[in-house]
Amino acid sequence: MEQVHLDYLENGADIIITASYQATIQGFKAKGFSNEEGEALLRKSVEIAREARDVYYERCVAACSSGDGGRILKQRHILVAASVGSYEAYLADGSEYR
C-alpha cells in the first residue's frame, strides 16, 4: 500500500487517502477483533500513508541535492485524508449505495 501512495505522490497527487473505506470497529469486531485491535488497524492505515509521505519528502531532498532529473519530485504540502465510509459500508452488502 505504501508503494501505491508513493506512486500517486510521484505523479503529482497533493492528497493521499487511507485505504480504509469499509473498515470499521463494528466490522472488525464481527471478524473477531477487539475494539483495541480494530482501532490499531485503522490507525495503521493512517501511519502507512504518513510513512509514504515521509519517504516522498526524503526522495525530494535527495533528488534536489543530487540533481536527479529522472523523476518529477517537488517538495509541497501533502495531506493525508482518512477514507471513511458510511455506516452501512461495514456491512459490505452494497447498502450504502441504496
PDB file of N, CA and C in Angstrom:
ATOM      1  N   MET A   1       0.821  -1.193   0.000  1.00  0.00           N
ATOM      2  CA  MET A   1       0.000   0.000   0.000  1.00  0.00           C
ATOM      3  C   MET A   1       0.865   1.257   0.000  1.00  0.00           C
ATOM      4  N   GLU A   2       1.966   1.201   0.732  1.00  0.00           N
ATOM      5  CA  GLU A   2       2.844   2.374   0.766  1.00  0.00           C
ATOM      6  C   GLU A   2       3.340   2.717  -0.637  1.00  0.00           C
ATOM      7  N   GLN A   3       3.653   1.699  -1.431  1.00  0.00           N
ATOM      8  CA  GLN A   3       4.133   1.951  -2.785  1.00  0.00           C
ATOM      9  C   GLN A   3       3.054   2.606  -3.642  1.00  0.00           C
ATOM     10  N   VAL A   4       1.807   2.224  -3.455  1.00  0.00           N
ATOM     11  CA  VAL A   4       0.703   2.852  -4.197  1.00  0.00           C
ATOM     12  C   VAL A   4       0.638   4.341  -3.854  1.00  0.00           C
ATOM     13  N   HIS A   5       0.733   4.656  -2.556  1.00  0.00           N
ATOM     14  CA  HIS A   5       0.744   6.065  -2.150  1.00  0.00           C
ATOM     15  C   HIS A   5       1.914   6.805  -2.804  1.00  0.00           C
ATOM     16  N   LEU A   6       3.094   6.185  -2.781  1.00  0.00           N
ATOM     17  CA  LEU A   6       4.279   6.818  -3.386  1.00  0.00           C
ATOM     18  C   LEU A   6       4.081   7.047  -4.877  1.00  0.00           C
ATOM     19  N   ASP A   7       3.482   6.074  -5.553  1.00  0.00           N
ATOM     20  CA  ASP A   7       3.228   6.230  -6.991  1.00  0.00           C
ATOM     21  C   ASP A   7       2.343   7.455  -7.255  1.00  0.00           C
ATOM     22  N   TYR A   8       1.299   7.613  -6.451  1.00  0.00           N
ATOM     23  CA  TYR A   8       0.433   8.780  -6.612  1.00  0.00           C
ATOM     24  C   TYR A   8       1.190  10.074  -6.341  1.00  0.00           C
ATOM     25  N   LEU A   9       1.981  10.093  -5.272  1.00  0.00           N
ATOM     26  CA  LEU A   9       2.734  11.307  -4.938  1.00  0.00           C
ATOM     27  C   LEU A   9       3.736  11.649  -6.032  1.00  0.00           C
ATOM     28  N   GLU A  10       4.421  10.643  -6.555  1.00  0.00           N
ATOM     29  CA  GLU A  10       5.425  10.885  -7.592  1.00  0.00           C
ATOM     30  C   GLU A  10       4.792  11.307  -8.910  1.00  0.00           C
ATOM     31  N   ASN A  11       3.493  11.127  -9.017  1.00  0.00           N
ATOM     32  CA  ASN A  11       2.782  11.563 -10.224  1.00  0.00           C
ATOM     33  C   ASN A  11       1.942  12.802  -9.981  1.00  0.00           C
ATOM     34  N   GLY A  12       2.226  13.504  -8.866  1.00  0.00           N
ATOM     35  CA  GLY A  12       1.651  14.820  -8.655  1.00  0.00           C
ATOM     36  C   GLY A  12       0.510  14.946  -7.656  1.00  0.00           C
ATOM     37  N   ALA A  13       0.092  13.863  -7.018  1.00  0.00           N
ATOM     38  CA  ALA A  13      -1.011  13.977  -6.049  1.00  0.00           C
ATOM     39  C   ALA A  13      -0.595  14.848  -4.869  1.00  0.00           C
ATOM     40  N   ASP A  14      -1.502  15.689  -4.415  1.00  0.00           N
ATOM     41  CA  ASP A  14      -1.278  16.523  -3.237  1.00  0.00           C
ATOM     42  C   ASP A  14      -1.998  15.976  -2.015  1.00  0.00           C
ATOM     43  N   ILE A  15      -2.897  15.016  -2.238  1.00  0.00           N
ATOM     44  CA  ILE A  15      -3.651  14.383  -1.157  1.00  0.00           C
ATOM     45  C   ILE A  15      -3.617  12.874  -1.388  1.00  0.00           C
ATOM     46  N   ILE A  16      -3.313  12.138  -0.337  1.00  0.00           N
ATOM     47  CA  ILE A  16      -3.434  10.683  -0.410  1.00  0.00           C
ATOM     48  C   ILE A  16      -4.433  10.252   0.655  1.00  0.00           C
ATOM     49  N   ILE A  17      -5.199   9.210   0.338  1.00  0.00           N
ATOM     50  CA  ILE A  17      -6.228   8.757   1.271  1.00  0.00           C
ATOM     51  C   ILE A  17      -5.861   7.388   1.830  1.00  0.00           C
ATOM     52  N   THR A  18      -6.319   7.154   3.038  1.00  0.00           N
ATOM     53  CA  THR A  18      -6.095   5.852   3.651  1.00  0.00           C
ATOM     54  C   THR A  18      -6.948   4.822   2.919  1.00  0.00           C
ATOM     55  N   ALA A  19      -6.517   3.600   2.928  1.00  0.00           N
ATOM     56  CA  ALA A  19      -7.276   2.520   2.288  1.00  0.00           C
ATOM     57  C   ALA A  19      -8.166   1.871   3.341  1.00  0.00           C
ATOM     58  N   SER A  20      -9.137   2.637   3.825  1.00  0.00           N
ATOM     59  CA  SER A  20      -9.938   2.169   4.957  1.00  0.00           C
ATOM     60  C   SER A  20     -11.432   2.429   4.777  1.00  0.00           C
ATOM     61  N   TYR A  21     -11.891   2.530   3.554  1.00  0.00           N
ATOM     62  CA  TYR A  21     -13.275   2.939   3.302  1.00  0.00           C
ATOM     63  C   TYR A  21     -14.292   2.056   4.022  1.00  0.00           C
ATOM     64  N   GLN A  22     -14.171   0.737   3.904  1.00  0.00           N
ATOM     65  CA  GLN A  22     -15.146  -0.152   4.535  1.00  0.00           C
ATOM     66  C   GLN A  22     -14.665  -0.693   5.880  1.00  0.00           C
ATOM     67  N   ALA A  23     -13.566  -0.177   6.391  1.00  0.00           N
ATOM     68  CA  ALA A  23     -13.043  -0.644   7.674  1.00  0.00           C
ATOM     69  C   ALA A  23     -13.734   0.107   8.811  1.00  0.00           C
ATOM     70  N   THR A  24     -14.315  -0.642   9.723  1.00  0.00           N
ATOM     71  CA  THR A  24     -14.972  -0.051  10.885  1.00  0.00           C
ATOM     72  C   THR A  24     -14.699  -0.926  12.098  1.00  0.00           C
ATOM     73  N   ILE A  25     -14.847  -0.342  13.269  1.00  0.00           N
ATOM     74  CA  ILE A  25     -14.700  -1.106  14.503  1.00  0.00           C
ATOM     75  C   ILE A  25     -15.725  -2.245  14.521  1.00  0.00           C
ATOM     76  N   GLN A  26     -16.964  -1.939  14.114  1.00  0.00           N
ATOM     77  CA  GLN A  26     -18.011  -2.963  14.105  1.00  0.00           C
ATOM     78  C   GLN A  26     -17.656  -4.109  13.174  1.00  0.00           C
ATOM     79  N   GLY A  27     -17.134  -3.765  12.008  1.00  0.00           N
ATOM     80  CA  GLY A  27     -16.746  -4.800  11.055  1.00  0.00           C
ATOM     81  C   GLY A  27     -15.603  -5.656  11.564  1.00  0.00           C
ATOM     82  N   PHE A  28     -14.630  -5.029  12.195  1.00  0.00           N
ATOM     83  CA  PHE A  28     -13.522  -5.801  12.771  1.00  0.00           C
ATOM     84  C   PHE A  28     -14.018  -6.694  13.902  1.00  0.00           C
ATOM     85  N   LYS A  29     -14.924  -6.168  14.724  1.00  0.00           N
ATOM     86  CA  LYS A  29     -15.473  -6.980  15.822  1.00  0.00           C
ATOM     87  C   LYS A  29     -16.206  -8.198  15.274  1.00  0.00           C
ATOM     88  N   ALA A  30     -16.919  -8.023  14.170  1.00  0.00           N
ATOM     89  CA  ALA A  30     -17.636  -9.143  13.558  1.00  0.00           C
ATOM     90  C   ALA A  30     -16.682 -10.226  13.069  1.00  0.00           C
ATOM     91  N   LYS A  31     -15.441  -9.839  12.816  1.00  0.00           N
ATOM     92  CA  LYS A  31     -14.419 -10.799  12.371  1.00  0.00           C
ATOM     93  C   LYS A  31     -13.564 -11.318  13.528  1.00  0.00           C
ATOM     94  N   GLY A  32     -13.945 -10.946  14.767  1.00  0.00           N
ATOM     95  CA  GLY A  32     -13.260 -11.487  15.929  1.00  0.00           C
ATOM     96  C   GLY A  32     -12.182 -10.596  16.539  1.00  0.00           C
ATOM     97  N   PHE A  33     -12.028  -9.384  16.029  1.00  0.00           N
ATOM     98  CA  PHE A  33     -11.035  -8.464  16.583  1.00  0.00           C
ATOM     99  C   PHE A  33     -11.649  -7.699  17.760  1.00  0.00           C
ATOM    100  N   SER A  34     -10.814  -7.320  18.705  1.00  0.00           N
ATOM    101  CA  SER A  34     -11.273  -6.491  19.813  1.00  0.00           C
ATOM    102  C   SER A  34     -11.387  -5.038  19.358  1.00  0.00           C
ATOM    103  N   ASN A  35     -12.020  -4.214  20.182  1.00  0.00           N
ATOM    104  CA  ASN A  35     -12.092  -2.775  19.887  1.00  0.00           C
ATOM    105  C   ASN A  35     -10.693  -2.195  19.711  1.00  0.00           C
ATOM    106  N   GLU A  36      -9.791  -2.559  20.607  1.00  0.00           N
ATOM    107  CA  GLU A  36      -8.423  -2.036  20.569  1.00  0.00           C
ATOM    108  C   GLU A  36      -7.704  -2.457  19.294  1.00  0.00           C
ATOM    109  N   GLU A  37      -7.893  -3.715  18.892  1.00  0.00           N
ATOM    110  CA  GLU A  37      -7.255  -4.195  17.660  1.00  0.00           C
ATOM    111  C   GLU A  37      -7.829  -3.472  16.440  1.00  0.00           C
ATOM    112  N   GLY A  38      -9.139  -3.262  16.433  1.00  0.00           N
ATOM    113  CA  GLY A  38      -9.766  -2.538  15.331  1.00  0.00           C
ATOM    114  C   GLY A  38      -9.257  -1.113  15.231  1.00  0.00           C
ATOM    115  N   GLU A  39      -9.154  -0.454  16.376  1.00  0.00           N
ATOM    116  CA  GLU A  39      -8.620   0.908  16.390  1.00  0.00           C
ATOM    117  C   GLU A  39      -7.182   0.937  15.908  1.00  0.00           C
ATOM    118  N   ALA A  40      -6.392  -0.065  16.306  1.00  0.00           N
ATOM    119  CA  ALA A  40      -4.994  -0.130  15.873  1.00  0.00           C
ATOM    120  C   ALA A  40      -4.903  -0.318  14.355  1.00  0.00           C
ATOM    121  N   LEU A  41      -5.789  -1.119  13.792  1.00  0.00           N
ATOM    122  CA  LEU A  41      -5.780  -1.326  12.340  1.00  0.00           C
ATOM    123  C   LEU A  41      -6.151  -0.043  11.596  1.00  0.00           C
ATOM    124  N   LEU A  42      -7.125   0.687  12.108  1.00  0.00           N
ATOM    125  CA  LEU A  42      -7.482   1.965  11.478  1.00  0.00           C
ATOM    126  C   LEU A  42      -6.326   2.960  11.584  1.00  0.00           C
ATOM    127  N   ARG A  43      -5.664   3.007  12.733  1.00  0.00           N
ATOM    128  CA  ARG A  43      -4.503   3.889  12.891  1.00  0.00           C
ATOM    129  C   ARG A  43      -3.389   3.486  11.929  1.00  0.00           C
ATOM    130  N   LYS A  44      -3.232   2.173  11.716  1.00  0.00           N
ATOM    131  CA  LYS A  44      -2.176   1.687  10.813  1.00  0.00           C
ATOM    132  C   LYS A  44      -2.397   2.204   9.394  1.00  0.00           C
ATOM    133  N   SER A  45      -3.646   2.305   8.959  1.00  0.00           N
ATOM    134  CA  SER A  45      -3.898   2.807   7.601  1.00  0.00           C
ATOM    135  C   SER A  45      -3.416   4.249   7.462  1.00  0.00           C
ATOM    136  N   VAL A  46      -3.545   5.028   8.528  1.00  0.00           N
ATOM    137  CA  VAL A  46      -3.056   6.406   8.523  1.00  0.00           C
ATOM    138  C   VAL A  46      -1.532   6.422   8.572  1.00  0.00           C
ATOM    139  N   GLU A  47      -0.960   5.559   9.409  1.00  0.00           N
ATOM    140  CA  GLU A  47       0.502   5.501   9.531  1.00  0.00           C
ATOM    141  C   GLU A  47       1.159   5.143   8.202  1.00  0.00           C
ATOM    142  N   ILE A  48       0.572   4.210   7.469  1.00  0.00           N
ATOM    143  CA  ILE A  48       1.134   3.808   6.168  1.00  0.00           C
ATOM    144  C   ILE A  48       1.160   5.000   5.214  1.00  0.00           C
ATOM    145  N   ALA A  49       0.076   5.748   5.160  1.00  0.00           N
ATOM    146  CA  ALA A  49       0.021   6.921   4.282  1.00  0.00           C
ATOM    147  C   ALA A  49       1.033   7.977   4.731  1.00  0.00           C
ATOM    148  N   ARG A  50       1.130   8.198   6.031  1.00  0.00           N
ATOM    149  CA  ARG A  50       2.085   9.194   6.536  1.00  0.00           C
ATOM    150  C   ARG A  50       3.526   8.767   6.262  1.00  0.00           C
ATOM    151  N   GLU A  51       3.801   7.474   6.399  1.00  0.00           N
ATOM    152  CA  GLU A  51       5.141   6.968   6.103  1.00  0.00           C
ATOM    153  C   GLU A  51       5.482   7.181   4.627  1.00  0.00           C
ATOM    154  N   ALA A  52       4.509   6.950   3.748  1.00  0.00           N
ATOM    155  CA  ALA A  52       4.732   7.178   2.319  1.00  0.00           C
ATOM    156  C   ALA A  52       5.048   8.645   2.059  1.00  0.00           C
ATOM    157  N   ARG A  53       4.318   9.541   2.726  1.00  0.00           N
ATOM    158  CA  ARG A  53       4.581  10.975   2.576  1.00  0.00           C
ATOM    159  C   ARG A  53       6.004  11.300   3.032  1.00  0.00           C
ATOM    160  N   ASP A  54       6.430  10.719   4.157  1.00  0.00           N
ATOM    161  CA  ASP A  54       7.784  10.968   4.662  1.00  0.00           C
ATOM    162  C   ASP A  54       8.849  10.456   3.699  1.00  0.00           C
ATOM    163  N   VAL A  55       8.616   9.276   3.132  1.00  0.00           N
ATOM    164  CA  VAL A  55       9.561   8.720   2.150  1.00  0.00           C
ATOM    165  C   VAL A  55       9.628   9.637   0.934  1.00  0.00           C
ATOM    166  N   TYR A  56       8.479  10.113   0.493  1.00  0.00           N
ATOM    167  CA  TYR A  56       8.445  11.025  -0.651  1.00  0.00           C
ATOM    168  C   TYR A  56       9.259  12.281  -0.359  1.00  0.00           C
ATOM    169  N   TYR A  57       9.066  12.868   0.826  1.00  0.00           N
ATOM    170  CA  TYR A  57       9.829  14.061   1.200  1.00  0.00           C
ATOM    171  C   TYR A  57      11.326  13.774   1.203  1.00  0.00           C
ATOM    172  N   GLU A  58      11.718  12.602   1.708  1.00  0.00           N
ATOM    173  CA  GLU A  58      13.141  12.224   1.703  1.00  0.00           C
ATOM    174  C   GLU A  58      13.665  12.115   0.276  1.00  0.00           C
ATOM    175  N   ARG A  59      12.870  11.541  -0.613  1.00  0.00           N
ATOM    176  CA  ARG A  59      13.281  11.423  -2.016  1.00  0.00           C
ATOM    177  C   ARG A  59      13.403  12.794  -2.669  1.00  0.00           C
ATOM    178  N   CYS A  60      12.528  13.720  -2.284  1.00  0.00           N
ATOM    179  CA  CYS A  60      12.609  15.084  -2.822  1.00  0.00           C
ATOM    180  C   CYS A  60      13.938  15.727  -2.447  1.00  0.00           C
ATOM    181  N   VAL A  61      14.308  15.614  -1.197  1.00  0.00           N
ATOM    182  CA  VAL A  61      15.561  16.190  -0.719  1.00  0.00           C
ATOM    183  C   VAL A  61      16.738  15.552  -1.443  1.00  0.00           C
ATOM    184  N   ALA A  62      16.716  14.229  -1.562  1.00  0.00           N
ATOM    185  CA  ALA A  62      17.812  13.524  -2.240  1.00  0.00           C
ATOM    186  C   ALA A  62      17.896  13.913  -3.713  1.00  0.00           C
ATOM    187  N   ALA A  63      16.745  14.046  -4.377  1.00  0.00           N
ATOM    188  CA  ALA A  63      16.738  14.406  -5.796  1.00  0.00           C
ATOM    189  C   ALA A  63      17.257  15.819  -6.000  1.00  0.00           C
ATOM    190  N   CYS A  64      16.902  16.726  -5.098  1.00  0.00           N
ATOM    191  CA  CYS A  64      17.364  18.115  -5.218  1.00  0.00           C
ATOM    192  C   CYS A  64      18.869  18.207  -5.020  1.00  0.00           C
ATOM    193  N   SER A  65      19.384  17.442  -4.078  1.00  0.00           N
ATOM    194  CA  SER A  65      20.814  17.522  -3.786  1.00  0.00           C
ATOM    195  C   SER A  65      21.654  16.774  -4.811  1.00  0.00           C
ATOM    196  N   SER A  66      21.075  15.771  -5.490  1.00  0.00           N
ATOM    197  CA  SER A  66      21.843  15.004  -6.465  1.00  0.00           C
ATOM    198  C   SER A  66      21.621  15.470  -7.893  1.00  0.00           C
ATOM    199  N   GLY A  67      20.615  16.339  -8.086  1.00  0.00           N
ATOM    200  CA  GLY A  67      20.307  16.797  -9.431  1.00  0.00           C
ATOM    201  C   GLY A  67      19.607  15.744 -10.259  1.00  0.00           C
ATOM    202  N   ASP A  68      18.970  14.766  -9.609  1.00  0.00           N
ATOM    203  CA  ASP A  68      18.261  13.692 -10.297  1.00  0.00           C
ATOM    204  C   ASP A  68      17.091  14.267 -11.083  1.00  0.00           C
ATOM    205  N   GLY A  69      17.192  14.252 -12.377  1.00  0.00           N
ATOM    206  CA  GLY A  69      16.121  14.764 -13.216  1.00  0.00           C
ATOM    207  C   GLY A  69      15.255  13.660 -13.778  1.00  0.00           C
ATOM    208  N   GLY A  70      15.487  12.419 -13.346  1.00  0.00           N
ATOM    209  CA  GLY A  70      14.742  11.295 -13.885  1.00  0.00           C
ATOM    210  C   GLY A  70      13.290  11.259 -13.471  1.00  0.00           C
ATOM    211  N   ARG A  71      12.997  11.830 -12.312  1.00  0.00           N
ATOM    212  CA  ARG A  71      11.619  11.845 -11.824  1.00  0.00           C
ATOM    213  C   ARG A  71      11.250  13.271 -11.452  1.00  0.00           C
ATOM    214  N   ILE A  72       9.970  13.543 -11.497  1.00  0.00           N
ATOM    215  CA  ILE A  72       9.488  14.861 -11.077  1.00  0.00           C
ATOM    216  C   ILE A  72       9.143  14.762  -9.598  1.00  0.00           C
ATOM    217  N   LEU A  73      10.016  15.290  -8.766  1.00  0.00           N
ATOM    218  CA  LEU A  73       9.798  15.301  -7.329  1.00  0.00           C
ATOM    219  C   LEU A  73       9.792  16.751  -6.879  1.00  0.00           C
ATOM    220  N   LYS A  74       8.677  17.173  -6.343  1.00  0.00           N
ATOM    221  CA  LYS A  74       8.522  18.566  -5.953  1.00  0.00           C
ATOM    222  C   LYS A  74       8.107  18.624  -4.491  1.00  0.00           C
ATOM    223  N   GLN A  75       8.887  19.322  -3.687  1.00  0.00           N
ATOM    224  CA  GLN A  75       8.541  19.499  -2.280  1.00  0.00           C
ATOM    225  C   GLN A  75       7.285  20.361  -2.201  1.00  0.00           C
ATOM    226  N   ARG A  76       6.236  19.843  -1.576  1.00  0.00           N
ATOM    227  CA  ARG A  76       4.976  20.566  -1.446  1.00  0.00           C
ATOM    228  C   ARG A  76       4.240  20.031  -0.230  1.00  0.00           C
ATOM    229  N   HIS A  77       3.223  20.751   0.175  1.00  0.00           N
ATOM    230  CA  HIS A  77       2.405  20.323   1.306  1.00  0.00           C
ATOM    231  C   HIS A  77       1.507  19.178   0.845  1.00  0.00           C
ATOM    232  N   ILE A  78       1.619  18.031   1.490  1.00  0.00           N
ATOM    233  CA  ILE A  78       0.822  16.853   1.132  1.00  0.00           C
ATOM    234  C   ILE A  78      -0.092  16.510   2.299  1.00  0.00           C
ATOM    235  N   LEU A  79      -1.354  16.345   1.996  1.00  0.00           N
ATOM    236  CA  LEU A  79      -2.333  15.988   3.012  1.00  0.00           C
ATOM    237  C   LEU A  79      -2.615  14.493   3.009  1.00  0.00           C
ATOM    238  N   VAL A  80      -2.866  13.949   4.191  1.00  0.00           N
ATOM    239  CA  VAL A  80      -3.326  12.573   4.328  1.00  0.00           C
ATOM    240  C   VAL A  80      -4.773  12.654   4.799  1.00  0.00           C
ATOM    241  N   ALA A  81      -5.670  12.089   4.022  1.00  0.00           N
ATOM    242  CA  ALA A  81      -7.096  12.123   4.348  1.00  0.00           C
ATOM    243  C   ALA A  81      -7.575  10.717   4.700  1.00  0.00           C
ATOM    244  N   ALA A  82      -8.353  10.623   5.755  1.00  0.00           N
ATOM    245  CA  ALA A  82      -8.922   9.334   6.136  1.00  0.00           C
ATOM    246  C   ALA A  82     -10.083   9.011   5.202  1.00  0.00           C
ATOM    247  N   SER A  83     -10.093   7.800   4.697  1.00  0.00           N
ATOM    248  CA  SER A  83     -11.186   7.338   3.855  1.00  0.00           C
ATOM    249  C   SER A  83     -12.215   6.675   4.763  1.00  0.00           C
ATOM    250  N   VAL A  84     -13.302   7.387   5.003  1.00  0.00           N
ATOM    251  CA  VAL A  84     -14.312   6.928   5.949  1.00  0.00           C
ATOM    252  C   VAL A  84     -15.606   6.665   5.201  1.00  0.00           C
ATOM    253  N   GLY A  85     -16.064   5.440   5.275  1.00  0.00           N
ATOM    254  CA  GLY A  85     -17.302   5.084   4.602  1.00  0.00           C
ATOM    255  C   GLY A  85     -18.512   5.399   5.451  1.00  0.00           C
ATOM    256  N   SER A  86     -19.664   5.251   4.857  1.00  0.00           N
ATOM    257  CA  SER A  86     -20.909   5.450   5.594  1.00  0.00           C
ATOM    258  C   SER A  86     -21.103   4.300   6.580  1.00  0.00           C
ATOM    259  N   TYR A  87     -22.045   4.471   7.478  1.00  0.00           N
ATOM    260  CA  TYR A  87     -22.309   3.427   8.473  1.00  0.00           C
ATOM    261  C   TYR A  87     -22.565   2.089   7.803  1.00  0.00           C
ATOM    262  N   GLU A  88     -23.312   2.101   6.699  1.00  0.00           N
ATOM    263  CA  GLU A  88     -23.663   0.853   6.037  1.00  0.00           C
ATOM    264  C   GLU A  88     -22.486   0.214   5.305  1.00  0.00           C
ATOM    265  N   ALA A  89     -21.411   0.947   5.100  1.00  0.00           N
ATOM    266  CA  ALA A  89     -20.273   0.405   4.357  1.00  0.00           C
ATOM    267  C   ALA A  89     -19.707  -0.833   5.037  1.00  0.00           C
ATOM    268  N   TYR A  90     -19.732  -0.864   6.362  1.00  0.00           N
ATOM    269  CA  TYR A  90     -19.143  -2.005   7.050  1.00  0.00           C
ATOM    270  C   TYR A  90     -19.931  -3.290   6.831  1.00  0.00           C
ATOM    271  N   LEU A  91     -21.198  -3.155   6.418  1.00  0.00           N
ATOM    272  CA  LEU A  91     -21.996  -4.344   6.142  1.00  0.00           C
ATOM    273  C   LEU A  91     -21.488  -5.085   4.909  1.00  0.00           C
ATOM    274  N   ALA A  92     -20.787  -4.375   4.029  1.00  0.00           N
ATOM    275  CA  ALA A  92     -20.200  -4.942   2.809  1.00  0.00           C
ATOM    276  C   ALA A  92     -21.244  -5.638   1.940  1.00  0.00           C
ATOM    277  N   ASP A  93     -22.466  -5.069   1.912  1.00  0.00           N
ATOM    278  CA  ASP A  93     -23.522  -5.662   1.099  1.00  0.00           C
ATOM    279  C   ASP A  93     -24.075  -4.676   0.062  1.00  0.00           C
ATOM    280  N   GLY A  94     -23.378  -3.564  -0.110  1.00  0.00           N
ATOM    281  CA  GLY A  94     -23.806  -2.574  -1.086  1.00  0.00           C
ATOM    282  C   GLY A  94     -24.886  -1.631  -0.590  1.00  0.00           C
ATOM    283  N   SER A  95     -25.328  -1.781   0.653  1.00  0.00           N
ATOM    284  CA  SER A  95     -26.438  -0.967   1.153  1.00  0.00           C
ATOM    285  C   SER A  95     -26.116   0.517   1.227  1.00  0.00           C
ATOM    286  N   GLU A  96     -24.827   0.880   1.254  1.00  0.00           N
ATOM    287  CA  GLU A  96     -24.505   2.309   1.278  1.00  0.00           C
ATOM    288  C   GLU A  96     -24.841   2.990  -0.037  1.00  0.00           C
ATOM    289  N   TYR A  97     -25.109   2.221  -1.073  1.00  0.00           N
ATOM    290  CA  TYR A  97     -25.435   2.789  -2.381  1.00  0.00           C
ATOM    291  C   TYR A  97     -26.938   2.823  -2.648  1.00  0.00           C
ATOM    292  N   ARG A  98     -27.718   2.336  -1.734  1.00  0.00           N
ATOM    293  CA  ARG A  98     -29.176   2.295  -1.940  1.00  0.00           C
ATOM    294  C   ARG A  98     -29.830   3.545  -1.439  1.00  0.00           C
TER     295      ARG A  98
END
